[in-house]
């Protein structure tokens, strides 16, 4: 017969096994960090099949832009941990989707938005700044980032609001009459990083231009350092959609940090960093959750985030971390929040068959919240990798052409292709505007309904 003590021990074992063991993370131990990041990377890549026979490299099911975000996260993972396990698959996907060196591939160009494209450009820029290995005879990472810049700048729209990028590229797309923070913030960040890397004044001037234009709209309210998600051409960019997302703040804050570094601490950019960082901390590290753990506050409280929104915390994690390297005075404010968020995320990574799949919500969660996705694994991977900054004694600022960056410049990348010129938007007709208005109205009605449910329902 089994003794009662043995039976009790067996029951305890079954109970704890059912609760999951979670990813173990000690932020004071480099090996522990690398092991945690490795587990999250493995779980994330279990969703990816683009490198398999008959599949499309770089493409994730039902989304294109997230491929660029995933590879950007893997490049950062390699940079911080030294693990090259995913370098080959990353390189394959990044080059397969490059289009005409502009990340505007013909297979998907009919439905892409400016924000979709810029994430691939930011991934390529990251690769250039960290000397991610470049295959011989292929387009350089820097040139691919330049190609994205060269295709986005001609879309700068002065026909409404005196400037700005539209969210969508084509008049038939829902959202064409929207100008949003992530599209404009993405171009700003890309231009700032290109300017810092190359010292080419064109990029620097465009970074200033996008920032200054944004500050004339609700997308960047410099009086209170608040970022609206959207504004519309119908209202001449005076209206504002005010859902607050981590990645909007991250992209403008990070770009400002690069400009601060580029200009040797210009007061304009220090003021921008301080203002945006203060708002970012207040909004996305709420005191009611302890003040140090990141939250996607517009959708996490009622667990209504979609797959895109589950990515956002990862971007803020990495962009905050790199901010500490180009604006080192921010380190003492940022680092404790990255470390605390990583520790909280690790406790949440205790789900699924592996018992290490990561859920969505990091705060006040000692066990898995029941959700799992590539996107949640991606955010966890990003914050785990970012904690390695605490163990880097030497200067780890992103490289430039003057400080050891080896990726070669091609200022004309992505331009001059006949197919691309054919793909550029034609002059907008009255019919286009009417059609776009109808589609946008239908889209807006559905969007308002879904957002209202997401924020207030449940």
Protein backbone atom coordinates (compact mmCIF):
# COMPACT_ATOMS: atom_id res chain seq x y z
CA UNK A 1 0.00 0.00 0.00
CA UNK A 2 1.06 3.57 -0.66
CA UNK A 3 1.48 5.50 2.56
CA UNK A 4 -0.48 8.69 3.13
CA UNK A 5 2.79 10.67 3.08
CA UNK A 6 3.69 9.29 -0.36
CA UNK A 7 0.17 9.94 -1.63
CA UNK A 8 0.35 13.53 -0.37
CA UNK A 9 3.71 14.02 -2.09
CA UNK A 10 2.33 12.66 -5.38
CA UNK A 11 -0.69 14.95 -5.21
CA UNK A 12 1.53 17.97 -4.56
CA UNK A 13 3.73 17.05 -7.53
CA UNK A 14 0.72 16.77 -9.83
CA UNK A 15 -0.68 20.06 -8.54
CA UNK A 16 2.49 22.05 -9.08
CA UNK A 17 3.08 20.45 -12.46
CA UNK A 18 -0.40 21.54 -13.52
CA UNK A 19 0.37 25.10 -12.42
CA UNK A 20 3.49 25.26 -14.62
CA UNK A 21 7.06 25.88 -13.57
CA UNK A 22 7.56 29.21 -15.34
CA UNK A 23 10.69 30.46 -17.00
CA UNK A 24 13.30 30.91 -14.31
CA UNK A 25 14.95 34.34 -14.41
CA UNK A 26 17.56 35.81 -12.11
CA UNK A 27 18.40 39.24 -13.53
CA UNK A 28 21.67 39.23 -11.55
CA UNK A 29 22.89 36.12 -13.37
CA UNK A 30 23.87 36.35 -17.05
CA UNK A 31 23.39 32.63 -17.64
CA UNK A 32 19.90 32.76 -16.19
CA UNK A 33 19.02 35.68 -18.47
CA UNK A 34 20.38 33.89 -21.53
CA UNK A 35 18.53 30.69 -20.65
CA UNK A 36 15.26 32.56 -20.18
CA UNK A 37 15.70 34.46 -23.45
CA UNK A 38 16.63 31.24 -25.26
CA UNK A 39 13.45 29.54 -24.06
CA UNK A 40 11.27 32.48 -25.12
CA UNK A 41 13.00 32.63 -28.51
CA UNK A 42 12.42 28.90 -29.05
CA UNK A 43 8.75 29.22 -28.14
CA UNK A 44 8.30 32.22 -30.42
CA UNK A 45 9.95 30.51 -33.37
CA UNK A 46 7.79 27.42 -32.93
CA UNK A 47 5.06 29.49 -34.60
CA UNK A 48 7.24 30.33 -37.62
CA UNK A 49 7.37 28.02 -40.63
CA UNK A 50 8.66 30.34 -43.34
CA UNK A 51 11.97 28.48 -43.54
CA UNK A 52 10.29 25.17 -44.27
CA UNK A 53 9.87 23.65 -47.72
CA UNK A 54 6.96 25.19 -49.63
CA UNK A 55 6.59 28.13 -47.24
CA UNK A 56 7.37 31.83 -47.74
CA UNK A 57 10.47 33.06 -45.89
CA UNK A 58 9.77 36.03 -43.65
CA UNK A 59 5.98 35.67 -43.80
CA UNK A 60 3.82 34.91 -40.77
CA UNK A 61 0.22 33.70 -41.17
CA UNK A 62 -2.26 36.54 -41.73
CA UNK A 63 0.29 39.28 -41.15
CA UNK A 64 3.28 40.70 -42.99
CA UNK A 65 4.59 43.47 -40.77
CA UNK A 66 5.08 41.23 -37.75
CA UNK A 67 7.75 39.31 -39.63
CA UNK A 68 9.92 42.43 -39.59
CA UNK A 69 9.18 42.95 -35.90
CA UNK A 70 10.07 39.34 -35.11
CA UNK A 71 13.39 39.54 -36.96
CA UNK A 72 14.21 42.85 -35.27
CA UNK A 73 13.65 41.12 -31.93
CA UNK A 74 15.89 38.20 -32.95
CA UNK A 75 18.65 40.58 -34.08
CA UNK A 76 18.51 42.28 -30.69
CA UNK A 77 18.51 38.86 -29.01
CA UNK A 78 21.71 37.93 -30.86
CA UNK A 79 23.28 41.28 -29.99
CA UNK A 80 22.57 41.06 -26.28
CA UNK A 81 23.15 37.32 -25.69
CA UNK A 82 25.54 36.25 -28.46
CA UNK A 83 23.30 33.30 -29.42
CA UNK A 84 23.44 32.94 -33.22
CA UNK A 85 20.92 30.07 -33.40
CA UNK A 86 18.43 32.13 -35.41
CA UNK A 87 20.80 34.24 -37.49
CA UNK A 88 20.44 32.13 -40.62
CA UNK A 89 16.64 32.10 -40.59
CA UNK A 90 16.61 35.83 -39.80
CA UNK A 91 18.88 36.64 -42.73
CA UNK A 92 16.85 34.45 -45.07
CA UNK A 93 13.56 36.14 -44.14
CA UNK A 94 14.97 39.67 -44.15
CA UNK A 95 16.40 39.27 -47.64
CA UNK A 96 13.45 37.35 -49.09
CA UNK A 97 11.04 40.17 -48.24
CA UNK A 98 13.27 43.06 -49.31
CA UNK A 99 11.39 43.86 -52.53
CA UNK A 100 13.43 46.37 -54.57
CA UNK A 101 15.66 47.01 -51.57
CA UNK A 102 12.74 48.89 -50.02
CA UNK A 103 10.65 46.32 -48.11
CA UNK A 104 7.74 46.96 -50.44
CA UNK A 105 7.42 43.53 -52.07
CA UNK A 106 5.00 43.27 -54.97
CA UNK A 107 3.16 40.30 -53.43
CA UNK A 108 1.89 42.43 -50.55
CA UNK A 109 2.22 46.04 -51.72
CA UNK A 110 -1.48 46.43 -52.56
CA UNK A 111 -2.50 46.34 -48.90
CA UNK A 112 0.52 47.54 -46.94
CA UNK A 113 0.53 50.62 -44.75
CA UNK A 114 3.40 52.96 -44.01
CA UNK A 115 3.67 51.53 -40.50
CA UNK A 116 3.95 47.99 -41.90
CA UNK A 117 6.86 48.93 -44.12
CA UNK A 118 8.74 50.99 -41.56
CA UNK A 119 9.05 48.08 -39.12
CA UNK A 120 11.11 46.18 -41.67
CA UNK A 121 13.21 49.32 -42.17
CA UNK A 122 13.78 49.58 -38.42
CA UNK A 123 14.78 45.90 -38.33
CA UNK A 124 17.34 46.50 -41.09
CA UNK A 125 18.58 49.63 -39.30
CA UNK A 126 19.04 47.61 -36.12
CA UNK A 127 21.05 45.03 -38.05
CA UNK A 128 23.33 47.76 -39.41
CA UNK A 129 23.85 49.36 -35.99
CA UNK A 130 24.90 46.11 -34.30
CA UNK A 131 26.97 44.68 -37.18
CA UNK A 132 24.61 41.76 -37.68
CA UNK A 133 26.39 39.48 -40.18
CA UNK A 134 25.81 40.39 -43.84
CA UNK A 135 25.96 37.74 -46.57
CA UNK A 136 28.48 38.51 -49.28
CA UNK A 137 26.98 39.87 -52.50
CA UNK A 138 23.65 40.82 -50.92
CA UNK A 139 22.13 44.21 -50.20
CA UNK A 140 23.57 45.75 -47.05
CA UNK A 141 21.35 46.18 -44.02
CA UNK A 142 21.95 49.91 -44.10
CA UNK A 143 20.92 50.17 -47.75
CA UNK A 144 17.65 48.35 -47.01
CA UNK A 145 16.85 50.86 -44.27
CA UNK A 146 17.71 53.66 -46.71
CA UNK A 147 15.40 52.08 -49.28
CA UNK A 148 12.48 52.28 -46.87
CA UNK A 149 13.27 55.94 -46.18
CA UNK A 150 13.49 56.67 -49.91
CA UNK A 151 10.06 55.19 -50.59
CA UNK A 152 8.33 56.77 -47.61
CA UNK A 153 9.52 60.36 -48.04
CA UNK A 154 7.77 60.78 -51.44
CA UNK A 155 4.51 59.87 -49.68
CA UNK A 156 4.80 62.87 -47.36
CA UNK A 157 1.39 64.40 -47.91
CA UNK A 158 1.10 68.19 -48.03
CA UNK A 159 -2.37 68.07 -49.60
CA UNK A 160 -3.81 67.92 -46.07
CA UNK A 161 -2.64 69.00 -42.64
CA UNK A 162 0.44 70.67 -44.17
CA UNK A 163 2.30 67.38 -44.14
CA UNK A 164 2.53 63.99 -42.51
CA UNK A 165 2.34 60.39 -43.60
CA UNK A 166 -1.03 58.77 -44.01
CA UNK A 167 -1.55 55.50 -42.20
CA UNK A 168 -2.43 53.65 -45.40
CA UNK A 169 -0.84 54.16 -48.81
CA UNK A 170 -3.73 53.60 -51.19
CA UNK A 171 -7.01 55.55 -51.44
CA UNK A 172 -9.08 52.35 -51.45
CA UNK A 173 -7.78 51.29 -48.03
CA UNK A 174 -9.75 51.85 -44.86
CA UNK A 175 -7.66 54.23 -42.84
CA UNK A 176 -6.36 56.18 -45.85
CA UNK A 177 -7.67 59.45 -44.40
CA UNK A 178 -5.94 58.76 -41.08
CA UNK A 179 -2.53 60.08 -40.14
CA UNK A 180 -1.20 58.12 -37.19
CA UNK A 181 1.55 58.23 -34.63
CA UNK A 182 3.30 54.97 -35.45
CA UNK A 183 3.70 55.77 -39.16
CA UNK A 184 5.06 59.25 -38.54
CA UNK A 185 6.97 58.26 -35.41
CA UNK A 186 8.44 55.33 -37.30
CA UNK A 187 9.73 57.56 -40.11
CA UNK A 188 11.07 60.02 -37.52
CA UNK A 189 12.95 57.29 -35.68
CA UNK A 190 14.31 55.79 -38.91
CA UNK A 191 15.49 59.19 -40.19
CA UNK A 192 17.13 59.99 -36.84
CA UNK A 193 19.00 56.70 -36.81
CA UNK A 194 20.06 57.02 -40.44
CA UNK A 195 21.25 60.56 -39.70
CA UNK A 196 23.28 59.40 -36.72
CA UNK A 197 24.80 56.47 -38.58
CA UNK A 198 25.72 58.28 -41.81
CA UNK A 199 25.88 61.97 -40.75
CA UNK A 200 23.98 62.66 -43.99
CA UNK A 201 22.19 65.97 -43.50
CA UNK A 202 19.18 64.87 -45.56
CA UNK A 203 18.20 62.30 -42.93
CA UNK A 204 18.82 64.73 -40.09
CA UNK A 205 16.68 67.40 -41.76
CA UNK A 206 13.85 64.92 -42.30
CA UNK A 207 13.97 63.80 -38.68
CA UNK A 208 13.57 67.44 -37.64
CA UNK A 209 10.79 67.90 -40.19
CA UNK A 210 8.73 64.90 -39.09
CA UNK A 211 9.14 65.78 -35.42
CA UNK A 212 8.24 69.44 -35.92
CA UNK A 213 5.21 68.57 -38.05
CA UNK A 214 4.02 65.98 -35.52
CA UNK A 215 4.19 68.67 -32.84
CA UNK A 216 1.66 70.78 -34.79
CA UNK A 217 -0.89 67.98 -34.42
CA UNK A 218 -2.34 65.94 -31.56
CA UNK A 219 0.06 63.13 -32.52
CA UNK A 220 2.74 64.84 -30.44
CA UNK A 221 1.46 67.30 -27.85
CA UNK A 222 4.65 68.78 -26.47
CA UNK A 223 2.85 70.91 -23.87
CA UNK A 224 1.89 67.83 -21.86
CA UNK A 225 4.01 65.27 -23.74
CA UNK A 226 1.02 63.21 -24.75
CA UNK A 227 0.81 61.18 -27.97
CA UNK A 228 -2.52 60.60 -29.71
CA UNK A 229 -2.79 57.39 -31.68
CA UNK A 230 -4.54 58.95 -34.69
CA UNK A 231 -5.80 62.11 -36.33
CA UNK A 232 -7.70 62.55 -39.59
CA UNK A 233 -7.40 64.58 -42.76
CA UNK A 234 -11.14 65.37 -42.71
CA UNK A 235 -10.57 67.42 -39.55
CA UNK A 236 -7.31 68.89 -40.89
CA UNK A 237 -5.51 66.88 -38.20
CA UNK A 238 -7.15 68.69 -35.31
CA UNK A 239 -9.10 65.70 -33.98
CA UNK A 240 -7.48 62.88 -32.05
CA UNK A 241 -7.95 59.23 -31.24
CA UNK A 242 -6.59 58.99 -27.73
CA UNK A 243 -6.06 55.30 -27.02
CA UNK A 244 -2.61 55.10 -25.46
CA UNK A 245 -0.15 52.53 -26.76
CA UNK A 246 3.38 51.80 -25.59
CA UNK A 247 4.93 51.63 -29.05
CA UNK A 248 3.79 55.13 -30.04
CA UNK A 249 5.68 56.59 -27.10
CA UNK A 250 8.63 54.27 -27.68
CA UNK A 251 9.16 55.26 -31.28
CA UNK A 252 9.14 59.03 -30.67
CA UNK A 253 11.16 58.72 -27.45
CA UNK A 254 13.77 56.51 -29.08
CA UNK A 255 14.08 58.83 -32.08
CA UNK A 256 14.55 61.80 -29.76
CA UNK A 257 17.31 59.90 -27.92
CA UNK A 258 19.16 59.26 -31.18
CA UNK A 259 18.84 62.94 -32.07
CA UNK A 260 20.12 63.88 -28.59
CA UNK A 261 23.17 61.70 -29.18
CA UNK A 262 23.70 63.00 -32.70
CA UNK A 263 23.56 66.64 -31.59
CA UNK A 264 25.79 66.14 -28.53
CA UNK A 265 22.99 66.73 -26.07
CA UNK A 266 21.03 69.52 -27.73
CA UNK A 267 18.52 70.98 -25.27
CA UNK A 268 15.59 70.46 -27.66
CA UNK A 269 16.13 66.72 -27.59
CA UNK A 270 16.90 66.50 -23.88
CA UNK A 271 13.61 68.25 -23.18
CA UNK A 272 11.88 65.80 -25.52
CA UNK A 273 13.44 62.76 -23.82
CA UNK A 274 12.59 64.01 -20.35
CA UNK A 275 9.02 64.89 -21.30
CA UNK A 276 8.21 61.68 -23.14
CA UNK A 277 10.00 59.46 -20.64
CA UNK A 278 8.06 61.03 -17.80
CA UNK A 279 4.75 60.41 -19.54
CA UNK A 280 5.77 56.89 -20.58
CA UNK A 281 6.59 55.95 -17.00
CA UNK A 282 3.42 57.50 -15.62
CA UNK A 283 1.13 55.84 -18.17
CA UNK A 284 2.63 52.43 -18.78
CA UNK A 285 4.22 51.61 -15.41
CA UNK A 286 1.15 52.39 -13.26
CA UNK A 287 1.59 52.99 -9.55
CA UNK A 288 -1.38 50.72 -8.85
CA UNK A 289 0.65 47.82 -10.27
CA UNK A 290 3.76 48.73 -8.29
CA UNK A 291 5.19 51.44 -10.55
CA UNK A 292 7.93 49.36 -12.18
CA UNK A 293 6.09 46.75 -14.29
CA UNK A 294 5.06 47.59 -17.83
CA UNK A 295 1.42 47.33 -18.87
CA UNK A 296 -0.45 47.85 -22.15
CA UNK A 297 -3.03 49.87 -20.30
CA UNK A 298 -5.58 50.31 -23.09
CA UNK A 299 -6.34 46.61 -23.45
CA UNK A 300 -4.76 44.50 -20.71
CA UNK A 301 -7.04 45.24 -17.77
CA UNK A 302 -9.92 43.40 -19.44
CA UNK A 303 -7.65 41.11 -21.50
CA UNK A 304 -8.93 42.37 -24.85
CA UNK A 305 -5.60 42.98 -26.64
CA UNK A 306 -5.33 41.75 -30.22
CA UNK A 307 -2.26 40.07 -31.66
CA UNK A 308 -0.73 43.37 -32.77
CA UNK A 309 -1.11 44.94 -29.35
CA UNK A 310 0.52 41.93 -27.69
CA UNK A 311 3.74 42.91 -29.51
CA UNK A 312 3.90 46.49 -28.30
CA UNK A 313 5.50 46.05 -24.87
CA UNK A 314 8.45 44.31 -26.52
CA UNK A 315 9.14 47.33 -28.71
CA UNK A 316 9.01 49.72 -25.78
CA UNK A 317 11.32 47.41 -23.81
CA UNK A 318 14.00 47.38 -26.49
CA UNK A 319 13.69 51.06 -27.41
CA UNK A 320 13.93 52.12 -23.77
CA UNK A 321 16.99 49.92 -23.36
CA UNK A 322 18.75 51.40 -26.37
CA UNK A 323 17.78 54.86 -25.14
CA UNK A 324 20.01 54.25 -22.11
CA UNK A 325 22.94 53.69 -24.49
CA UNK A 326 22.53 56.87 -26.58
CA UNK A 327 21.31 59.04 -23.70
CA UNK A 328 23.14 57.45 -20.75
CA UNK A 329 21.71 59.84 -18.18
CA UNK A 330 18.37 57.97 -18.51
CA UNK A 331 19.84 54.67 -17.32
CA UNK A 332 19.01 55.05 -13.63
CA UNK A 333 15.38 55.78 -14.42
CA UNK A 334 14.89 53.12 -17.09
CA UNK A 335 16.93 50.11 -15.96
CA UNK A 336 14.95 49.25 -12.79
CA UNK A 337 11.75 49.16 -14.83
CA UNK A 338 13.23 46.85 -17.46
CA UNK A 339 14.52 44.49 -14.77
CA UNK A 340 11.24 44.46 -12.83
CA UNK A 341 9.20 43.95 -16.00
CA UNK A 342 11.41 41.04 -17.04
CA UNK A 343 11.05 39.35 -13.68
CA UNK A 344 7.28 39.77 -13.82
CA UNK A 345 7.15 38.47 -17.40
CA UNK A 346 9.10 35.36 -16.42
CA UNK A 347 6.47 34.45 -13.81
CA UNK A 348 3.83 34.77 -16.51
CA UNK A 349 5.73 32.39 -18.82
CA UNK A 350 4.36 29.19 -17.36
CA UNK A 351 1.66 28.10 -19.78
CA UNK A 352 0.88 25.72 -22.60
CA UNK A 353 2.21 22.22 -23.09
CA UNK A 354 5.76 23.41 -22.58
CA UNK A 355 4.87 25.09 -19.26
CA UNK A 356 6.98 28.03 -20.49
CA UNK A 357 4.67 29.73 -23.00
CA UNK A 358 4.21 33.39 -22.13
CA UNK A 359 0.89 35.02 -21.42
CA UNK A 360 -0.10 38.61 -21.99
CA UNK A 361 -0.27 40.42 -18.68
CA UNK A 362 2.89 40.80 -16.62
CA UNK A 363 1.67 42.70 -13.57
CA UNK A 364 0.10 41.03 -10.51
CA UNK A 365 0.36 37.62 -12.16
CA UNK A 366 2.17 34.84 -10.32
CA UNK A 367 0.98 32.27 -12.83
CA UNK A 368 0.00 32.00 -16.47
CA UNK A 369 -3.07 34.02 -17.49
CA UNK A 370 -4.29 31.40 -19.97
CA UNK A 371 -3.26 33.19 -23.18
CA UNK A 372 -0.36 32.34 -25.46
CA UNK A 373 0.85 33.63 -28.80
CA UNK A 374 3.92 34.34 -30.86
CA UNK A 375 3.41 37.99 -30.01
CA UNK A 376 3.43 37.50 -26.24
CA UNK A 377 6.54 35.33 -26.54
CA UNK A 378 8.10 38.10 -28.65
CA UNK A 379 7.46 40.75 -26.00
CA UNK A 380 8.86 38.49 -23.27
CA UNK A 381 11.94 37.72 -25.38
CA UNK A 382 12.55 41.40 -25.92
CA UNK A 383 12.40 42.33 -22.25
CA UNK A 384 14.50 39.29 -21.23
CA UNK A 385 17.21 40.15 -23.75
CA UNK A 386 17.13 43.78 -22.68
CA UNK A 387 18.12 42.92 -19.10
CA UNK A 388 21.59 42.03 -20.40
CA UNK A 389 22.29 45.76 -20.49
CA UNK A 390 22.79 45.56 -16.71
CA UNK A 391 25.81 43.31 -17.28
CA UNK A 392 27.47 45.33 -20.04
CA UNK A 393 30.30 47.31 -18.52
CA UNK A 394 31.60 48.69 -21.80
CA UNK A 395 29.83 51.27 -23.94
CA UNK A 396 27.11 49.53 -25.94
CA UNK A 397 25.66 52.35 -28.00
CA UNK A 398 24.54 51.38 -31.52
CA UNK A 399 27.38 51.73 -34.00
CA UNK A 400 27.80 54.36 -36.70
CA UNK A 401 29.99 54.49 -39.79
CA UNK A 402 32.53 56.36 -37.64
CA UNK A 403 32.50 54.01 -34.64
CA UNK A 404 32.86 50.61 -36.27
CA UNK A 405 29.66 50.03 -38.21
CA UNK A 406 30.52 48.03 -41.32
CA UNK A 407 27.23 48.11 -43.23
CA UNK A 408 27.70 50.13 -46.40
CA UNK A 409 25.58 53.09 -47.45
CA UNK A 410 23.59 53.32 -50.66
CA UNK A 411 21.70 56.64 -50.55
CA UNK A 412 19.76 55.79 -53.72
CA UNK A 413 18.57 52.37 -52.53
CA UNK A 414 14.97 51.58 -53.32
CA UNK A 415 14.60 54.34 -55.87
CA UNK A 416 14.51 54.35 -59.66
CA UNK A 417 12.61 51.09 -60.15
CA UNK A 418 9.91 51.30 -62.78
CA UNK A 419 7.67 48.89 -60.87
CA UNK A 420 7.98 51.03 -57.79
CA UNK A 421 7.05 54.20 -59.68
CA UNK A 422 4.00 52.40 -61.00
CA UNK A 423 3.10 51.41 -57.46
CA UNK A 424 3.28 54.95 -56.11
CA UNK A 425 -0.09 56.58 -55.44
CA UNK A 426 -1.61 58.43 -58.39
CA UNK A 427 -3.07 61.94 -57.93
CA UNK A 428 -6.25 61.66 -55.91
CA UNK A 429 -9.48 62.24 -57.83
CA UNK A 430 -12.88 63.28 -56.49
CA UNK A 431 -14.03 59.70 -57.02
CA UNK A 432 -11.09 58.40 -55.01
CA UNK A 433 -11.94 60.75 -52.16
CA UNK A 434 -15.60 59.73 -52.21
CA UNK A 435 -14.75 56.05 -52.30
CA UNK A 436 -12.17 56.42 -49.56
CA UNK A 437 -14.69 58.32 -47.43
CA UNK A 438 -17.27 55.56 -47.77
CA UNK A 439 -14.77 52.82 -46.96
CA UNK A 440 -13.35 54.84 -44.09
CA UNK A 441 -16.84 55.51 -42.68
CA UNK A 442 -17.61 51.80 -42.69
CA UNK A 443 -14.21 51.05 -41.17
CA UNK A 444 -14.62 53.75 -38.54
CA UNK A 445 -18.02 52.49 -37.43
CA UNK A 446 -16.64 49.00 -36.94
CA UNK A 447 -13.50 50.34 -35.28
CA UNK A 448 -15.40 52.49 -32.81
CA UNK A 449 -17.66 49.57 -31.90
CA UNK A 450 -14.76 47.17 -31.41
CA UNK A 451 -12.66 49.65 -29.47
CA UNK A 452 -15.58 50.57 -27.22
CA UNK A 453 -16.07 46.89 -26.44
CA UNK A 454 -12.34 46.40 -25.94
CA UNK A 455 -11.95 49.30 -23.53
CA UNK A 456 -15.30 49.37 -21.74
CA UNK A 457 -16.78 45.92 -22.26
CA UNK A 458 -16.18 42.66 -20.54
